[in-house]
C-alpha atoms as a PDB file:
ATOM      1  CA  MET A   1       0.000   0.000   0.000  1.00  0.00           C
ATOM      2  CA  GLN A   2       1.184   3.544  -0.691  1.00  0.00           C
ATOM      3  CA  TYR A   3       0.951   6.462   1.718  1.00  0.00           C
ATOM      4  CA  LEU A   4       1.241  10.201   1.186  1.00  0.00           C
ATOM      5  CA  VAL A   5       3.208  11.927   3.935  1.00  0.00           C
ATOM      6  CA  SER A   6       2.579  15.664   3.706  1.00  0.00           C
ATOM      7  CA  VAL A   7       5.111  17.980   5.323  1.00  0.00           C
ATOM      8  CA  LEU A   8       3.378  20.901   7.068  1.00  0.00           C
ATOM      9  CA  PHE A   9       5.084  24.179   7.873  1.00  0.00           C
ATOM     10  CA  ASP A  10       4.088  27.601   9.119  1.00  0.00           C
ATOM     11  CA  ASP A  11       6.941  29.774   7.868  1.00  0.00           C
ATOM     12  CA  SER A  12       8.635  30.483   4.551  1.00  0.00           C
ATOM     13  CA  VAL A  13      12.075  29.688   5.977  1.00  0.00           C
ATOM     14  CA  VAL A  14      13.908  27.141   3.843  1.00  0.00           C
ATOM     15  CA  PRO A  15      15.327  24.103   5.621  1.00  0.00           C
ATOM     16  CA  ARG A  16      18.673  24.666   7.310  1.00  0.00           C
ATOM     17  CA  ASP A  17      21.761  22.799   6.076  1.00  0.00           C
ATOM     18  CA  ASP A  18      21.586  20.337   8.993  1.00  0.00           C
ATOM     19  CA  GLU A  19      17.896  19.671   8.260  1.00  0.00           C
ATOM     20  CA  MET A  20      18.652  19.067   4.567  1.00  0.00           C
ATOM     21  CA  ALA A  21      21.452  16.659   5.515  1.00  0.00           C
ATOM     22  CA  ALA A  22      19.060  14.759   7.811  1.00  0.00           C
ATOM     23  CA  ILE A  23      16.396  14.654   5.073  1.00  0.00           C
ATOM     24  CA  ASP A  24      18.933  13.367   2.524  1.00  0.00           C
ATOM     25  CA  ALA A  25      20.099  10.627   4.925  1.00  0.00           C
ATOM     26  CA  PHE A  26      16.483   9.665   5.685  1.00  0.00           C
ATOM     27  CA  ASN A  27      15.645   9.554   1.953  1.00  0.00           C
ATOM     28  CA  ASP A  28      18.688   7.373   1.237  1.00  0.00           C
ATOM     29  CA  ARG A  29      17.652   4.951   3.994  1.00  0.00           C
ATOM     30  CA  MET A  30      14.055   4.793   2.697  1.00  0.00           C
ATOM     31  CA  ARG A  31      15.390   3.932  -0.776  1.00  0.00           C
ATOM     32  CA  ALA A  32      17.659   1.238   0.667  1.00  0.00           C
ATOM     33  CA  GLU A  33      14.783  -0.253   2.700  1.00  0.00           C
ATOM     34  CA  GLY A  34      12.447  -0.323  -0.305  1.00  0.00           C
ATOM     35  CA  HIS A  35       9.885   2.180   1.035  1.00  0.00           C
ATOM     36  CA  TRP A  36      10.747   5.041  -1.327  1.00  0.00           C
ATOM     37  CA  VAL A  37       8.350   5.875  -4.174  1.00  0.00           C
ATOM     38  CA  PHE A  38       8.692   9.632  -4.706  1.00  0.00           C
ATOM     39  CA  ALA A  39       9.230  12.886  -2.816  1.00  0.00           C
ATOM     40  CA  GLY A  40       9.507  16.593  -3.430  1.00  0.00           C
ATOM     41  CA  GLY A  41       9.761  19.966  -1.788  1.00  0.00           C
ATOM     42  CA  LEU A  42       7.368  22.710  -2.850  1.00  0.00           C
ATOM     43  CA  ALA A  43       7.862  26.426  -3.459  1.00  0.00           C
ATOM     44  CA  ALA A  44       6.200  28.925  -1.130  1.00  0.00           C
ATOM     45  CA  PRO A  45       2.399  29.304  -1.359  1.00  0.00           C
ATOM     46  CA  SER A  46       2.873  32.679  -3.036  1.00  0.00           C
ATOM     47  CA  ALA A  47       4.163  30.793  -6.098  1.00  0.00           C
ATOM     48  CA  ALA A  48       0.892  28.846  -6.460  1.00  0.00           C
ATOM     49  CA  THR A  49      -1.697  29.304  -9.216  1.00  0.00           C
ATOM     50  CA  VAL A  50      -5.247  28.008  -8.832  1.00  0.00           C
ATOM     51  CA  LEU A  51      -7.242  27.007 -11.919  1.00  0.00           C
ATOM     52  CA  ASP A  52     -10.986  26.397 -11.968  1.00  0.00           C
ATOM     53  CA  ASN A  53     -12.294  25.107 -15.244  1.00  0.00           C
ATOM     54  CA  ARG A  54     -15.467  23.528 -13.920  1.00  0.00           C
ATOM     55  CA  ASP A  55     -18.252  24.127 -16.392  1.00  0.00           C
ATOM     56  CA  GLY A  56     -15.721  25.847 -18.679  1.00  0.00           C
ATOM     57  CA  ALA A  57     -15.289  28.805 -16.299  1.00  0.00           C
ATOM     58  CA  GLY A  58     -11.592  29.153 -17.114  1.00  0.00           C
ATOM     59  CA  LEU A  59     -10.735  31.038 -13.907  1.00  0.00           C
ATOM     60  CA  ILE A  60      -7.058  31.487 -13.011  1.00  0.00           C
ATOM     61  CA  THR A  61      -6.047  32.984  -9.670  1.00  0.00           C
ATOM     62  CA  ASP A  62      -2.525  33.730  -8.469  1.00  0.00           C
ATOM     63  CA  GLY A  63      -1.683  32.535  -4.980  1.00  0.00           C
ATOM     64  CA  PRO A  64      -2.792  29.603  -2.850  1.00  0.00           C
ATOM     65  CA  TYR A  65      -6.350  28.273  -2.936  1.00  0.00           C
ATOM     66  CA  VAL A  66      -6.757  29.089   0.747  1.00  0.00           C
ATOM     67  CA  GLU A  67      -5.058  31.557   3.062  1.00  0.00           C
ATOM     68  CA  THR A  68      -3.818  29.676   6.094  1.00  0.00           C
ATOM     69  CA  LYS A  69      -1.062  29.822   8.664  1.00  0.00           C
ATOM     70  CA  GLU A  70       0.256  26.372   7.738  1.00  0.00           C
ATOM     71  CA  TYR A  71       0.916  25.133   4.251  1.00  0.00           C
ATOM     72  CA  LEU A  72       2.150  22.087   2.400  1.00  0.00           C
ATOM     73  CA  ALA A  73       5.929  22.453   2.221  1.00  0.00           C
ATOM     74  CA  GLY A  74       6.671  19.089   0.609  1.00  0.00           C
ATOM     75  CA  PHE A  75       5.719  15.450   0.562  1.00  0.00           C
ATOM     76  CA  TRP A  76       6.858  11.859   0.407  1.00  0.00           C
ATOM     77  CA  VAL A  77       5.100   8.880  -1.116  1.00  0.00           C
ATOM     78  CA  PHE A  78       6.093   5.661   0.630  1.00  0.00           C
ATOM     79  CA  GLU A  79       5.320   1.998   0.160  1.00  0.00           C
ATOM     80  CA  ALA A  80       4.474   0.241   3.426  1.00  0.00           C
ATOM     81  CA  PRO A  81       2.725  -3.030   4.285  1.00  0.00           C
ATOM     82  CA  ASP A  82       0.311  -1.333   6.706  1.00  0.00           C
ATOM     83  CA  LEU A  83      -0.540   1.886   8.548  1.00  0.00           C
ATOM     84  CA  ASP A  84       1.602   1.037  11.570  1.00  0.00           C
ATOM     85  CA  VAL A  85       4.725   0.851   9.409  1.00  0.00           C
ATOM     86  CA  ALA A  86       3.695   4.013   7.522  1.00  0.00           C
ATOM     87  CA  LEU A  87       3.290   5.882  10.821  1.00  0.00           C
ATOM     88  CA  LYS A  88       6.724   4.727  11.984  1.00  0.00           C
ATOM     89  CA  ILE A  89       8.281   5.913   8.711  1.00  0.00           C
ATOM     90  CA  ALA A  90       6.411   9.231   8.928  1.00  0.00           C
ATOM     91  CA  ALA A  91       7.590   9.785  12.514  1.00  0.00           C
ATOM     92  CA  GLU A  92      11.173   9.313  11.357  1.00  0.00           C
ATOM     93  CA  GLY A  93      10.560  11.708   8.452  1.00  0.00           C
ATOM     94  CA  SER A  94       9.084  14.302  10.809  1.00  0.00           C
ATOM     95  CA  ARG A  95      12.182  14.085  12.981  1.00  0.00           C
ATOM     96  CA  ALA A  96      14.490  14.305   9.938  1.00  0.00           C
ATOM     97  CA  CYS A  97      12.847  17.391   8.417  1.00  0.00           C
ATOM     98  CA  ASN A  98      11.958  18.994  11.766  1.00  0.00           C
ATOM     99  CA  ARG A  99       8.356  19.595  10.641  1.00  0.00           C
ATOM    100  CA  ARG A 100       4.903  18.207  11.421  1.00  0.00           C
ATOM    101  CA  VAL A 101       3.611  15.650   8.927  1.00  0.00           C
ATOM    102  CA  GLU A 102       0.254  14.174   7.958  1.00  0.00           C
ATOM    103  CA  VAL A 103      -0.103  10.566   6.782  1.00  0.00           C
ATOM    104  CA  ARG A 104      -2.846   9.491   4.375  1.00  0.00           C
ATOM    105  CA  PRO A 105      -3.237   6.234   2.493  1.00  0.00           C
ATOM    106  CA  PHE A 106      -3.950   6.402  -1.206  1.00  0.00           C
ATOM    107  CA  ALA A 107      -7.520   5.356  -2.020  1.00  0.00           C
ATOM    108  CA  GLN A 108      -7.738   1.831  -3.362  1.00  0.00           C
ATOM    109  CA  PRO A 109      -9.472   1.454  -6.756  1.00  0.00           C
END
């Protein structure tokens, strides 16, 4: 099963060098252990563009879809046999990046 681990942050400060080193080491270990699927860091919310083409509306808005104190700073997608393992991995990721994280399983077809 795959899990999305969203990294939550409340500031536009980029990760410090020691945090990036910890993230890189964590990512390398997840690859070696076979949990790694994909990951990425995201630009600040101010770089977002929201599109709404429902019913052909064609609306484009600069900025995030919602103004909030916290935002999605990045994410991991991991493979894990169950939620308990996914939560353990996410806890280690939270420690590595020094941020709160949210874990959600991908919906099964």
